């Protein structure tokens, strides 16, 4: 696929979504891998757990796979986290729900696919944090671990037997890391 350097987020939104998954990275279209069943099952579990918590506490909005979020401007980047969460009070009211999310989510979640390189994941995590995301989770199905990244803090790696809490971003939220890997 021919790419054009300098594409804007608005132009990227108008691009047909045929022939695969894409992100816009500093004005350039980047094709993403097709992750497979394991990835889909973990994403489903994350979305179910976060949505159950959010609805039960009237806390905010959970966005499913690849909802675009603008992470940089000039040149534009539009990333598609596997899952995002935004507190209710931060969601723009009265605006159309069309297009990309223009504010940094409170939480971005990435699920590592078999072909993902850790260096690429870490770069994306850095981009999310620089855009204002308060917390990023990276789930690794290979060893059933979860890496928690926050601005100005060292990464924290949790194993499947660990309990995840995120009081500063998700008040009263807690679950076992193993819950994200059910049926995987």
Foldseek 3Di string as FASTA:
>chain_A
DDWDAQAAQVNVLVDDPPDADWWQDLRTIDGDDDFDDQQVLLLVLVQVQVVVLCVVVVFWDKDAFFQWEWLDVNRTTTTTARMFTAGHVPDDPPDDPDGHHDAQGQEGEHEDGPPDDVVVVVVVVVSSVNSPHAWYWYAYLVQLKIWIDGPPDDIDIGHQQDKDDDCVRRNPDIDGSVSSNPPD
